[in-house]
Amino acid sequence: MSSNETYLFADEPEPENKQPHKEPAQLLLDWLQRWRKPTVSAREIRIYGPCSIRDRESTINSIEVLVRHGWLVPSKPSRHDRRVWQVVRRPIVHPTVAT
């Protein structure tokens, strides 16, 4: 037997496969692709959206990025204290914010 042999044991931890961190705006865009309604409000995003952007500041910042890139269009709300956006649907398989 050679002394250079290496053995793998079951108690050794497996190497971690970390997924790359996604930007909050990209997470929101991915979530909006599954959103069935034609419009979305800030309140709906904070309730039903991705957990990492449910705080007010992250929600508003992500919405502003998507508005700048044309994925959300401001819409007139039925109430003066609501903010509503029209979701833009494009025939793209994996949409990105930079597109």
Protein backbone atom coordinates (compact mmCIF):
# COMPACT_ATOMS: atom_id res chain seq x y z
CA MET A 1 0.00 0.00 0.00
CA SER A 2 1.21 3.47 -0.78
CA SER A 3 1.14 6.17 1.88
CA ASN A 4 -0.26 8.77 -0.55
CA GLU A 5 -3.76 7.28 -0.66
CA THR A 6 -6.68 9.53 0.22
CA TYR A 7 -9.90 8.21 1.69
CA LEU A 8 -13.30 9.87 1.62
CA PHE A 9 -15.41 9.43 4.70
CA ALA A 10 -19.11 10.05 5.15
CA ASP A 11 -18.54 12.48 8.00
CA GLU A 12 -16.65 14.96 5.82
CA PRO A 13 -18.81 17.93 4.85
CA GLU A 14 -19.72 18.29 1.21
CA PRO A 15 -18.38 21.37 -0.56
CA GLU A 16 -20.89 24.22 -0.50
CA ASN A 17 -22.51 25.12 -3.80
CA LYS A 18 -23.37 28.75 -3.30
CA GLN A 19 -25.64 30.34 -5.82
CA PRO A 20 -24.69 33.82 -6.95
CA HIS A 21 -26.43 36.66 -5.09
CA LYS A 22 -29.16 38.27 -7.18
CA GLU A 23 -29.92 41.95 -7.07
CA PRO A 24 -33.27 42.87 -5.46
CA ALA A 25 -34.57 44.34 -8.72
CA GLN A 26 -33.77 41.10 -10.56
CA LEU A 27 -35.58 39.10 -7.85
CA LEU A 28 -38.61 41.34 -8.27
CA LEU A 29 -38.51 40.99 -12.05
CA ASP A 30 -38.34 37.18 -11.76
CA TRP A 31 -41.30 37.26 -9.37
CA LEU A 32 -43.30 39.58 -11.65
CA GLN A 33 -42.98 37.08 -14.50
CA ARG A 34 -45.10 34.69 -12.41
CA TRP A 35 -47.55 37.39 -11.25
CA ARG A 36 -50.86 36.78 -13.03
CA LYS A 37 -52.46 40.22 -12.70
CA PRO A 38 -51.77 42.97 -15.27
CA THR A 39 -50.98 45.50 -12.53
CA VAL A 40 -49.14 45.34 -9.23
CA SER A 41 -49.10 47.65 -6.24
CA ALA A 42 -46.35 48.30 -3.72
CA ARG A 43 -48.56 46.73 -1.07
CA GLU A 44 -48.94 43.51 -3.10
CA ILE A 45 -45.18 43.30 -3.60
CA ARG A 46 -44.57 43.73 0.12
CA ILE A 47 -47.13 41.02 0.97
CA TYR A 48 -46.64 38.44 -1.80
CA GLY A 49 -43.24 39.31 -3.28
CA PRO A 50 -39.81 37.83 -2.56
CA CYS A 51 -38.96 37.81 1.15
CA SER A 52 -35.70 39.69 0.72
CA ILE A 53 -37.42 42.81 -0.69
CA ARG A 54 -40.46 43.02 1.55
CA ASP A 55 -39.22 46.03 3.49
CA ARG A 56 -40.41 49.41 2.23
CA GLU A 57 -37.03 50.76 1.13
CA SER A 58 -36.02 47.68 -0.89
CA THR A 59 -39.43 47.51 -2.52
CA ILE A 60 -39.39 51.13 -3.66
CA ASN A 61 -35.75 50.96 -4.85
CA SER A 62 -36.44 47.78 -6.86
CA ILE A 63 -39.58 49.29 -8.39
CA GLU A 64 -37.67 52.43 -9.43
CA VAL A 65 -35.02 50.31 -11.15
CA LEU A 66 -37.66 48.34 -13.05
CA VAL A 67 -39.46 51.56 -14.06
CA ARG A 68 -36.16 52.97 -15.44
CA HIS A 69 -35.60 49.79 -17.46
CA GLY A 70 -39.18 49.70 -18.79
CA TRP A 71 -40.47 46.59 -16.97
CA LEU A 72 -43.02 48.58 -14.92
CA VAL A 73 -45.10 51.54 -16.11
CA PRO A 74 -46.79 53.84 -13.56
CA SER A 75 -50.56 53.58 -13.70
CA LYS A 76 -53.30 55.76 -12.26
CA PRO A 77 -54.56 54.16 -9.03
CA SER A 78 -58.18 53.98 -7.99
CA ARG A 79 -57.25 55.59 -4.65
CA HIS A 80 -55.02 58.58 -3.99
CA ASP A 81 -52.95 56.74 -1.35
CA ARG A 82 -52.02 53.77 -3.58
CA ARG A 83 -49.17 53.30 -6.01
CA VAL A 84 -49.85 50.98 -8.94
CA TRP A 85 -47.73 49.89 -11.92
CA GLN A 86 -48.59 48.12 -15.15
CA VAL A 87 -46.45 45.00 -15.61
CA VAL A 88 -44.77 44.93 -19.03
CA ARG A 89 -44.71 41.44 -20.52
CA ARG A 90 -42.04 40.72 -23.12
CA PRO A 91 -41.48 37.41 -24.93
CA ILE A 92 -38.11 36.77 -23.30
CA VAL A 93 -37.28 33.43 -21.67
CA HIS A 94 -35.04 34.68 -18.84
CA PRO A 95 -35.50 38.46 -18.65
CA THR A 96 -32.86 40.56 -16.98
CA VAL A 97 -33.01 44.07 -15.62
CA ALA A 98 -30.21 45.24 -17.90
CA THR A 99 -32.18 44.40 -21.05
